[in-house]
Amino acid sequence: MDKYGYSVDINFKQIINEADSVLDYLVPKVPVSAPVNILTGLNKLFSGFERPIIKASKLNNIEYSSLIFELGNRKLVAGQEDLILEVAQQLKQ
């Protein structure tokens, strides 16, 4: 407000300090973009596929990135979770 010529009795630094002090309380886990999230997004896959993709890749001893690329090529959509394991098994061969 001071920047636009309005006189206010607000201590901006105090507001910032208070915001920092409650940040851990309000946001207990800082959001991050893990590589698996980035790859699913780039391949236009439903974000809920993350856990099934990781699980299927571990079960079949394949890289999750390969599985993500293949699922993206097949244009998998929400509701087709059963195909994740099937595709992972095919990639294993």
PDB file of N, CA and C in Angstrom:
ATOM      1  N   MET A   1       0.830  -1.178   0.000  1.00  0.00           N
ATOM      2  CA  MET A   1       0.000   0.000   0.000  1.00  0.00           C
ATOM      3  C   MET A   1       0.884   1.254   0.000  1.00  0.00           C
ATOM      4  N   ASP A   2       1.989   1.201   0.771  1.00  0.00           N
ATOM      5  CA  ASP A   2       2.910   2.339   0.802  1.00  0.00           C
ATOM      6  C   ASP A   2       3.431   2.639  -0.596  1.00  0.00           C
ATOM      7  N   LYS A   3       3.641   1.599  -1.366  1.00  0.00           N
ATOM      8  CA  LYS A   3       4.162   1.734  -2.717  1.00  0.00           C
ATOM      9  C   LYS A   3       3.237   2.587  -3.588  1.00  0.00           C
ATOM     10  N   TYR A   4       1.925   2.541  -3.320  1.00  0.00           N
ATOM     11  CA  TYR A   4       0.944   3.292  -4.099  1.00  0.00           C
ATOM     12  C   TYR A   4       0.504   4.580  -3.413  1.00  0.00           C
ATOM     13  N   GLY A   5       1.232   4.966  -2.362  1.00  0.00           N
ATOM     14  CA  GLY A   5       0.960   6.246  -1.724  1.00  0.00           C
ATOM     15  C   GLY A   5      -0.063   6.225  -0.601  1.00  0.00           C
ATOM     16  N   TYR A   6      -0.480   5.034  -0.179  1.00  0.00           N
ATOM     17  CA  TYR A   6      -1.430   4.938   0.929  1.00  0.00           C
ATOM     18  C   TYR A   6      -0.662   4.733   2.225  1.00  0.00           C
ATOM     19  N   SER A   7      -1.056   5.471   3.221  1.00  0.00           N
ATOM     20  CA  SER A   7      -0.398   5.360   4.518  1.00  0.00           C
ATOM     21  C   SER A   7      -1.127   4.309   5.358  1.00  0.00           C
ATOM     22  N   VAL A   8      -0.396   3.257   5.694  1.00  0.00           N
ATOM     23  CA  VAL A   8      -0.972   2.192   6.523  1.00  0.00           C
ATOM     24  C   VAL A   8      -0.007   1.888   7.663  1.00  0.00           C
ATOM     25  N   ASP A   9      -0.566   1.425   8.743  1.00  0.00           N
ATOM     26  CA  ASP A   9       0.250   1.111   9.906  1.00  0.00           C
ATOM     27  C   ASP A   9       0.463  -0.404   9.965  1.00  0.00           C
ATOM     28  N   ILE A  10       1.177  -0.907   8.977  1.00  0.00           N
ATOM     29  CA  ILE A  10       1.440  -2.342   8.893  1.00  0.00           C
ATOM     30  C   ILE A  10       2.949  -2.551   8.803  1.00  0.00           C
ATOM     31  N   ASN A  11       3.443  -3.469   9.621  1.00  0.00           N
ATOM     32  CA  ASN A  11       4.856  -3.795   9.600  1.00  0.00           C
ATOM     33  C   ASN A  11       5.040  -5.010   8.685  1.00  0.00           C
ATOM     34  N   PHE A  12       5.458  -4.764   7.461  1.00  0.00           N
ATOM     35  CA  PHE A  12       5.579  -5.804   6.454  1.00  0.00           C
ATOM     36  C   PHE A  12       6.542  -6.907   6.894  1.00  0.00           C
ATOM     37  N   LYS A  13       7.667  -6.519   7.489  1.00  0.00           N
ATOM     38  CA  LYS A  13       8.645  -7.509   7.936  1.00  0.00           C
ATOM     39  C   LYS A  13       8.050  -8.424   9.003  1.00  0.00           C
ATOM     40  N   GLN A  14       7.218  -7.867   9.861  1.00  0.00           N
ATOM     41  CA  GLN A  14       6.586  -8.680  10.900  1.00  0.00           C
ATOM     42  C   GLN A  14       5.607  -9.689  10.273  1.00  0.00           C
ATOM     43  N   ILE A  15       4.901  -9.250   9.250  1.00  0.00           N
ATOM     44  CA  ILE A  15       3.981 -10.157   8.560  1.00  0.00           C
ATOM     45  C   ILE A  15       4.755 -11.316   7.928  1.00  0.00           C
ATOM     46  N   ILE A  16       5.874 -11.009   7.291  1.00  0.00           N
ATOM     47  CA  ILE A  16       6.701 -12.042   6.672  1.00  0.00           C
ATOM     48  C   ILE A  16       7.240 -13.003   7.736  1.00  0.00           C
ATOM     49  N   ASN A  17       7.702 -12.467   8.847  1.00  0.00           N
ATOM     50  CA  ASN A  17       8.219 -13.316   9.926  1.00  0.00           C
ATOM     51  C   ASN A  17       7.137 -14.228  10.487  1.00  0.00           C
ATOM     52  N   GLU A  18       5.944 -13.703  10.647  1.00  0.00           N
ATOM     53  CA  GLU A  18       4.831 -14.511  11.151  1.00  0.00           C
ATOM     54  C   GLU A  18       4.465 -15.599  10.138  1.00  0.00           C
ATOM     55  N   ALA A  19       4.468 -15.250   8.869  1.00  0.00           N
ATOM     56  CA  ALA A  19       4.155 -16.229   7.830  1.00  0.00           C
ATOM     57  C   ALA A  19       5.179 -17.361   7.841  1.00  0.00           C
ATOM     58  N   ASP A  20       6.450 -16.999   7.991  1.00  0.00           N
ATOM     59  CA  ASP A  20       7.492 -18.027   8.059  1.00  0.00           C
ATOM     60  C   ASP A  20       7.318 -18.920   9.285  1.00  0.00           C
ATOM     61  N   SER A  21       6.894 -18.350  10.384  1.00  0.00           N
ATOM     62  CA  SER A  21       6.777 -19.140  11.614  1.00  0.00           C
ATOM     63  C   SER A  21       5.634 -20.145  11.562  1.00  0.00           C
ATOM     64  N   VAL A  22       4.604 -19.893  10.776  1.00  0.00           N
ATOM     65  CA  VAL A  22       3.485 -20.835  10.693  1.00  0.00           C
ATOM     66  C   VAL A  22       3.535 -21.710   9.448  1.00  0.00           C
ATOM     67  N   LEU A  23       4.514 -21.479   8.581  1.00  0.00           N
ATOM     68  CA  LEU A  23       4.594 -22.242   7.340  1.00  0.00           C
ATOM     69  C   LEU A  23       4.707 -23.739   7.594  1.00  0.00           C
ATOM     70  N   ASP A  24       5.546 -24.143   8.530  1.00  0.00           N
ATOM     71  CA  ASP A  24       5.697 -25.572   8.831  1.00  0.00           C
ATOM     72  C   ASP A  24       4.397 -26.167   9.360  1.00  0.00           C
ATOM     73  N   TYR A  25       3.639 -25.388  10.081  1.00  0.00           N
ATOM     74  CA  TYR A  25       2.359 -25.852  10.619  1.00  0.00           C
ATOM     75  C   TYR A  25       1.326 -26.013   9.504  1.00  0.00           C
ATOM     76  N   LEU A  26       1.277 -25.055   8.606  1.00  0.00           N
ATOM     77  CA  LEU A  26       0.277 -25.071   7.543  1.00  0.00           C
ATOM     78  C   LEU A  26       0.643 -26.013   6.402  1.00  0.00           C
ATOM     79  N   VAL A  27       1.922 -26.091   6.099  1.00  0.00           N
ATOM     80  CA  VAL A  27       2.394 -26.939   5.004  1.00  0.00           C
ATOM     81  C   VAL A  27       3.470 -27.865   5.572  1.00  0.00           C
ATOM     82  N   PRO A  28       3.050 -28.981   6.194  1.00  0.00           N
ATOM     83  CA  PRO A  28       4.032 -29.845   6.852  1.00  0.00           C
ATOM     84  C   PRO A  28       5.024 -30.483   5.886  1.00  0.00           C
ATOM     85  N   LYS A  29       4.632 -30.682   4.645  1.00  0.00           N
ATOM     86  CA  LYS A  29       5.533 -31.251   3.652  1.00  0.00           C
ATOM     87  C   LYS A  29       5.620 -30.277   2.483  1.00  0.00           C
ATOM     88  N   VAL A  30       6.812 -29.837   2.205  1.00  0.00           N
ATOM     89  CA  VAL A  30       7.013 -28.909   1.100  1.00  0.00           C
ATOM     90  C   VAL A  30       6.767 -29.657  -0.205  1.00  0.00           C
ATOM     91  N   PRO A  31       5.889 -29.127  -1.046  1.00  0.00           N
ATOM     92  CA  PRO A  31       5.609 -29.817  -2.313  1.00  0.00           C
ATOM     93  C   PRO A  31       6.836 -29.820  -3.227  1.00  0.00           C
ATOM     94  N   VAL A  32       7.063 -30.947  -3.836  1.00  0.00           N
ATOM     95  CA  VAL A  32       8.179 -31.076  -4.776  1.00  0.00           C
ATOM     96  C   VAL A  32       7.683 -31.766  -6.036  1.00  0.00           C
ATOM     97  N   SER A  33       8.425 -31.605  -7.082  1.00  0.00           N
ATOM     98  CA  SER A  33       8.121 -32.305  -8.332  1.00  0.00           C
ATOM     99  C   SER A  33       9.167 -33.390  -8.521  1.00  0.00           C
ATOM    100  N   ALA A  34       8.789 -34.602  -8.159  1.00  0.00           N
ATOM    101  CA  ALA A  34       9.691 -35.737  -8.302  1.00  0.00           C
ATOM    102  C   ALA A  34       9.775 -36.105  -9.789  1.00  0.00           C
ATOM    103  N   PRO A  35      10.855 -36.736 -10.196  1.00  0.00           N
ATOM    104  CA  PRO A  35      10.997 -37.123 -11.594  1.00  0.00           C
ATOM    105  C   PRO A  35       9.811 -37.933 -12.124  1.00  0.00           C
ATOM    106  N   VAL A  36       9.261 -38.819 -11.292  1.00  0.00           N
ATOM    107  CA  VAL A  36       8.114 -39.612 -11.738  1.00  0.00           C
ATOM    108  C   VAL A  36       6.913 -38.711 -12.030  1.00  0.00           C
ATOM    109  N   ASN A  37       6.735 -37.652 -11.245  1.00  0.00           N
ATOM    110  CA  ASN A  37       5.643 -36.705 -11.491  1.00  0.00           C
ATOM    111  C   ASN A  37       5.845 -35.952 -12.799  1.00  0.00           C
ATOM    112  N   ILE A  38       7.055 -35.563 -13.048  1.00  0.00           N
ATOM    113  CA  ILE A  38       7.369 -34.826 -14.274  1.00  0.00           C
ATOM    114  C   ILE A  38       7.138 -35.719 -15.496  1.00  0.00           C
ATOM    115  N   LEU A  39       7.610 -36.966 -15.405  1.00  0.00           N
ATOM    116  CA  LEU A  39       7.452 -37.887 -16.539  1.00  0.00           C
ATOM    117  C   LEU A  39       5.994 -38.224 -16.812  1.00  0.00           C
ATOM    118  N   THR A  40       5.192 -38.448 -15.768  1.00  0.00           N
ATOM    119  CA  THR A  40       3.780 -38.751 -15.998  1.00  0.00           C
ATOM    120  C   THR A  40       3.080 -37.554 -16.625  1.00  0.00           C
ATOM    121  N   GLY A  41       3.436 -36.361 -16.176  1.00  0.00           N
ATOM    122  CA  GLY A  41       2.841 -35.153 -16.756  1.00  0.00           C
ATOM    123  C   GLY A  41       3.212 -34.975 -18.214  1.00  0.00           C
ATOM    124  N   LEU A  42       4.486 -35.157 -18.523  1.00  0.00           N
ATOM    125  CA  LEU A  42       4.946 -35.008 -19.910  1.00  0.00           C
ATOM    126  C   LEU A  42       4.314 -36.031 -20.839  1.00  0.00           C
ATOM    127  N   ASN A  43       3.982 -37.191 -20.292  1.00  0.00           N
ATOM    128  CA  ASN A  43       3.383 -38.251 -21.097  1.00  0.00           C
ATOM    129  C   ASN A  43       1.868 -38.284 -20.992  1.00  0.00           C
ATOM    130  N   LYS A  44       1.314 -37.236 -20.422  1.00  0.00           N
ATOM    131  CA  LYS A  44      -0.146 -37.046 -20.313  1.00  0.00           C
ATOM    132  C   LYS A  44      -0.847 -38.219 -19.630  1.00  0.00           C
ATOM    133  N   LEU A  45      -0.223 -38.671 -18.537  1.00  0.00           N
ATOM    134  CA  LEU A  45      -0.799 -39.761 -17.764  1.00  0.00           C
ATOM    135  C   LEU A  45      -1.436 -39.215 -16.492  1.00  0.00           C
ATOM    136  N   PHE A  46      -2.467 -39.883 -16.024  1.00  0.00           N
ATOM    137  CA  PHE A  46      -3.159 -39.543 -14.792  1.00  0.00           C
ATOM    138  C   PHE A  46      -2.174 -39.617 -13.622  1.00  0.00           C
ATOM    139  N   SER A  47      -2.134 -38.577 -12.800  1.00  0.00           N
ATOM    140  CA  SER A  47      -1.167 -38.520 -11.704  1.00  0.00           C
ATOM    141  C   SER A  47      -1.372 -39.641 -10.690  1.00  0.00           C
ATOM    142  N   GLY A  48      -2.570 -40.185 -10.615  1.00  0.00           N
ATOM    143  CA  GLY A  48      -2.842 -41.283  -9.704  1.00  0.00           C
ATOM    144  C   GLY A  48      -2.160 -42.582 -10.111  1.00  0.00           C
ATOM    145  N   PHE A  49      -1.557 -42.609 -11.283  1.00  0.00           N
ATOM    146  CA  PHE A  49      -0.841 -43.798 -11.742  1.00  0.00           C
ATOM    147  C   PHE A  49       0.542 -43.936 -11.107  1.00  0.00           C
ATOM    148  N   GLU A  50       0.988 -42.912 -10.404  1.00  0.00           N
ATOM    149  CA  GLU A  50       2.356 -42.918  -9.882  1.00  0.00           C
ATOM    150  C   GLU A  50       2.662 -44.172  -9.062  1.00  0.00           C
ATOM    151  N   ARG A  51       1.872 -44.457  -8.064  1.00  0.00           N
ATOM    152  CA  ARG A  51       2.159 -45.615  -7.207  1.00  0.00           C
ATOM    153  C   ARG A  51       2.073 -46.940  -7.970  1.00  0.00           C
ATOM    154  N   PRO A  52       1.006 -47.161  -8.763  1.00  0.00           N
ATOM    155  CA  PRO A  52       0.974 -48.419  -9.520  1.00  0.00           C
ATOM    156  C   PRO A  52       2.150 -48.567 -10.494  1.00  0.00           C
ATOM    157  N   ILE A  53       2.606 -47.469 -11.067  1.00  0.00           N
ATOM    158  CA  ILE A  53       3.750 -47.519 -11.984  1.00  0.00           C
ATOM    159  C   ILE A  53       5.015 -47.924 -11.233  1.00  0.00           C
ATOM    160  N   ILE A  54       5.247 -47.295 -10.091  1.00  0.00           N
ATOM    161  CA  ILE A  54       6.432 -47.621  -9.292  1.00  0.00           C
ATOM    162  C   ILE A  54       6.376 -49.085  -8.849  1.00  0.00           C
ATOM    163  N   LYS A  55       5.217 -49.508  -8.376  1.00  0.00           N
ATOM    164  CA  LYS A  55       5.052 -50.894  -7.910  1.00  0.00           C
ATOM    165  C   LYS A  55       5.285 -51.891  -9.046  1.00  0.00           C
ATOM    166  N   ALA A  56       4.675 -51.645 -10.196  1.00  0.00           N
ATOM    167  CA  ALA A  56       4.819 -52.551 -11.339  1.00  0.00           C
ATOM    168  C   ALA A  56       6.260 -52.593 -11.838  1.00  0.00           C
ATOM    169  N   SER A  57       6.939 -51.461 -11.832  1.00  0.00           N
ATOM    170  CA  SER A  57       8.326 -51.440 -12.303  1.00  0.00           C
ATOM    171  C   SER A  57       9.236 -52.217 -11.347  1.00  0.00           C
ATOM    172  N   LYS A  58       8.977 -52.111 -10.048  1.00  0.00           N
ATOM    173  CA  LYS A  58       9.787 -52.871  -9.079  1.00  0.00           C
ATOM    174  C   LYS A  58       9.510 -54.368  -9.192  1.00  0.00           C
ATOM    175  N   LEU A  59       8.234 -54.734  -9.325  1.00  0.00           N
ATOM    176  CA  LEU A  59       7.874 -56.150  -9.440  1.00  0.00           C
ATOM    177  C   LEU A  59       8.510 -56.805 -10.662  1.00  0.00           C
ATOM    178  N   ASN A  60       8.653 -56.049 -11.730  1.00  0.00           N
ATOM    179  CA  ASN A  60       9.173 -56.589 -12.983  1.00  0.00           C
ATOM    180  C   ASN A  60      10.627 -56.209 -13.247  1.00  0.00           C
ATOM    181  N   ASN A  61      11.234 -55.537 -12.286  1.00  0.00           N
ATOM    182  CA  ASN A  61      12.640 -55.157 -12.385  1.00  0.00           C
ATOM    183  C   ASN A  61      12.934 -54.382 -13.678  1.00  0.00           C
ATOM    184  N   ILE A  62      12.106 -53.374 -13.940  1.00  0.00           N
ATOM    185  CA  ILE A  62      12.313 -52.488 -15.091  1.00  0.00           C
ATOM    186  C   ILE A  62      12.345 -51.050 -14.586  1.00  0.00           C
ATOM    187  N   GLU A  63      12.887 -50.162 -15.385  1.00  0.00           N
ATOM    188  CA  GLU A  63      12.914 -48.751 -15.015  1.00  0.00           C
ATOM    189  C   GLU A  63      11.519 -48.161 -15.163  1.00  0.00           C
ATOM    190  N   TYR A  64      11.100 -47.381 -14.163  1.00  0.00           N
ATOM    191  CA  TYR A  64       9.763 -46.791 -14.241  1.00  0.00           C
ATOM    192  C   TYR A  64       9.644 -45.819 -15.396  1.00  0.00           C
ATOM    193  N   SER A  65      10.754 -45.211 -15.804  1.00  0.00           N
ATOM    194  CA  SER A  65      10.696 -44.265 -16.924  1.00  0.00           C
ATOM    195  C   SER A  65      10.295 -44.979 -18.215  1.00  0.00           C
ATOM    196  N   SER A  66      10.820 -46.193 -18.427  1.00  0.00           N
ATOM    197  CA  SER A  66      10.451 -46.970 -19.623  1.00  0.00           C
ATOM    198  C   SER A  66       8.965 -47.288 -19.615  1.00  0.00           C
ATOM    199  N   LEU A  67       8.469 -47.644 -18.445  1.00  0.00           N
ATOM    200  CA  LEU A  67       7.052 -47.965 -18.311  1.00  0.00           C
ATOM    201  C   LEU A  67       6.193 -46.730 -18.563  1.00  0.00           C
ATOM    202  N   ILE A  68       6.605 -45.603 -18.047  1.00  0.00           N
ATOM    203  CA  ILE A  68       5.850 -44.358 -18.251  1.00  0.00           C
ATOM    204  C   ILE A  68       5.792 -44.002 -19.732  1.00  0.00           C
ATOM    205  N   PHE A  69       6.932 -44.090 -20.415  1.00  0.00           N
ATOM    206  CA  PHE A  69       6.952 -43.758 -21.843  1.00  0.00           C
ATOM    207  C   PHE A  69       6.026 -44.679 -22.640  1.00  0.00           C
ATOM    208  N   GLU A  70       6.043 -45.957 -22.301  1.00  0.00           N
ATOM    209  CA  GLU A  70       5.195 -46.910 -23.023  1.00  0.00           C
ATOM    210  C   GLU A  70       3.719 -46.657 -22.725  1.00  0.00           C
ATOM    211  N   LEU A  71       3.393 -46.379 -21.466  1.00  0.00           N
ATOM    212  CA  LEU A  71       1.998 -46.082 -21.115  1.00  0.00           C
ATOM    213  C   LEU A  71       1.534 -44.807 -21.809  1.00  0.00           C
ATOM    214  N   GLY A  72       2.423 -43.841 -21.922  1.00  0.00           N
ATOM    215  CA  GLY A  72       2.093 -42.609 -22.633  1.00  0.00           C
ATOM    216  C   GLY A  72       1.842 -42.869 -24.105  1.00  0.00           C
ATOM    217  N   ASN A  73       2.661 -43.711 -24.705  1.00  0.00           N
ATOM    218  CA  ASN A  73       2.464 -44.071 -26.117  1.00  0.00           C
ATOM    219  C   ASN A  73       1.116 -44.744 -26.345  1.00  0.00           C
ATOM    220  N   ARG A  74       0.675 -45.489 -25.340  1.00  0.00           N
ATOM    221  CA  ARG A  74      -0.606 -46.196 -25.445  1.00  0.00           C
ATOM    222  C   ARG A  74      -1.793 -45.327 -25.019  1.00  0.00           C
ATOM    223  N   LYS A  75      -1.490 -44.078 -24.612  1.00  0.00           N
ATOM    224  CA  LYS A  75      -2.518 -43.112 -24.218  1.00  0.00           C
ATOM    225  C   LYS A  75      -3.451 -43.669 -23.126  1.00  0.00           C
ATOM    226  N   LEU A  76      -2.820 -44.237 -22.101  1.00  0.00           N
ATOM    227  CA  LEU A  76      -3.567 -44.772 -20.974  1.00  0.00           C
ATOM    228  C   LEU A  76      -4.318 -43.666 -20.249  1.00  0.00           C
ATOM    229  N   VAL A  77      -5.539 -43.928 -19.836  1.00  0.00           N
ATOM    230  CA  VAL A  77      -6.348 -42.947 -19.111  1.00  0.00           C
ATOM    231  C   VAL A  77      -6.800 -43.536 -17.783  1.00  0.00           C
ATOM    232  N   ALA A  78      -7.288 -42.677 -16.898  1.00  0.00           N
ATOM    233  CA  ALA A  78      -7.771 -43.114 -15.592  1.00  0.00           C
ATOM    234  C   ALA A  78      -8.796 -44.220 -15.773  1.00  0.00           C
ATOM    235  N   GLY A  79      -8.697 -45.225 -14.929  1.00  0.00           N
ATOM    236  CA  GLY A  79      -9.596 -46.355 -15.023  1.00  0.00           C
ATOM    237  C   GLY A  79      -8.946 -47.561 -15.688  1.00  0.00           C
ATOM    238  N   GLN A  80      -7.761 -47.377 -16.234  1.00  0.00           N
ATOM    239  CA  GLN A  80      -7.069 -48.474 -16.917  1.00  0.00           C
ATOM    240  C   GLN A  80      -5.862 -48.965 -16.107  1.00  0.00           C
ATOM    241  N   GLU A  81      -5.953 -48.869 -14.794  1.00  0.00           N
ATOM    242  CA  GLU A  81      -4.842 -49.239 -13.930  1.00  0.00           C
ATOM    243  C   GLU A  81      -4.380 -50.680 -14.135  1.00  0.00           C
ATOM    244  N   ASP A  82      -5.307 -51.571 -14.480  1.00  0.00           N
ATOM    245  CA  ASP A  82      -4.953 -52.972 -14.669  1.00  0.00           C
ATOM    246  C   ASP A  82      -3.959 -53.164 -15.810  1.00  0.00           C
ATOM    247  N   LEU A  83      -3.941 -52.238 -16.756  1.00  0.00           N
ATOM    248  CA  LEU A  83      -3.012 -52.349 -17.886  1.00  0.00           C
ATOM    249  C   LEU A  83      -1.570 -52.012 -17.507  1.00  0.00           C
ATOM    250  N   ILE A  84      -1.386 -51.301 -16.400  1.00  0.00           N
ATOM    251  CA  ILE A  84      -0.027 -50.910 -15.999  1.00  0.00           C
ATOM    252  C   ILE A  84       0.820 -52.146 -15.758  1.00  0.00           C
ATOM    253  N   LEU A  85       0.297 -53.092 -14.990  1.00  0.00           N
ATOM    254  CA  LEU A  85       1.037 -54.322 -14.706  1.00  0.00           C
ATOM    255  C   LEU A  85       1.237 -55.153 -15.969  1.00  0.00           C
ATOM    256  N   GLU A  86       0.232 -55.192 -16.813  1.00  0.00           N
ATOM    257  CA  GLU A  86       0.323 -55.942 -18.069  1.00  0.00           C
ATOM    258  C   GLU A  86       1.427 -55.386 -18.963  1.00  0.00           C
ATOM    259  N   VAL A  87       1.464 -54.067 -19.107  1.00  0.00           N
ATOM    260  CA  VAL A  87       2.481 -53.426 -19.945  1.00  0.00           C
ATOM    261  C   VAL A  87       3.869 -53.632 -19.327  1.00  0.00           C
ATOM    262  N   ALA A  88       3.962 -53.545 -18.003  1.00  0.00           N
ATOM    263  CA  ALA A  88       5.243 -53.767 -17.331  1.00  0.00           C
ATOM    264  C   ALA A  88       5.756 -55.188 -17.592  1.00  0.00           C
ATOM    265  N   GLN A  89       4.865 -56.168 -17.547  1.00  0.00           N
ATOM    266  CA  GLN A  89       5.255 -57.547 -17.821  1.00  0.00           C
ATOM    267  C   GLN A  89       5.724 -57.708 -19.267  1.00  0.00           C
ATOM    268  N   GLN A  90       5.079 -57.009 -20.197  1.00  0.00           N
ATOM    269  CA  GLN A  90       5.481 -57.064 -21.606  1.00  0.00           C
ATOM    270  C   GLN A  90       6.866 -56.448 -21.792  1.00  0.00           C
ATOM    271  N   LEU A  91       7.140 -55.348 -21.083  1.00  0.00           N
ATOM    272  CA  LEU A  91       8.445 -54.689 -21.201  1.00  0.00           C
ATOM    273  C   LEU A  91       9.554 -55.540 -20.603  1.00  0.00           C
ATOM    274  N   LYS A  92       9.206 -56.343 -19.623  1.00  0.00           N
ATOM    275  CA  LYS A  92      10.201 -57.207 -18.971  1.00  0.00           C
ATOM    276  C   LYS A  92      10.754 -58.232 -19.954  1.00  0.00           C
ATOM    277  N   GLN A  93       9.919 -58.670 -20.900  1.00  0.00           N
ATOM    278  CA  GLN A  93      10.315 -59.719 -21.853  1.00  0.00           C
ATOM    279  C   GLN A  93      11.229 -59.191 -22.876  1.00  0.00           C
TER     280      GLN A  93
END
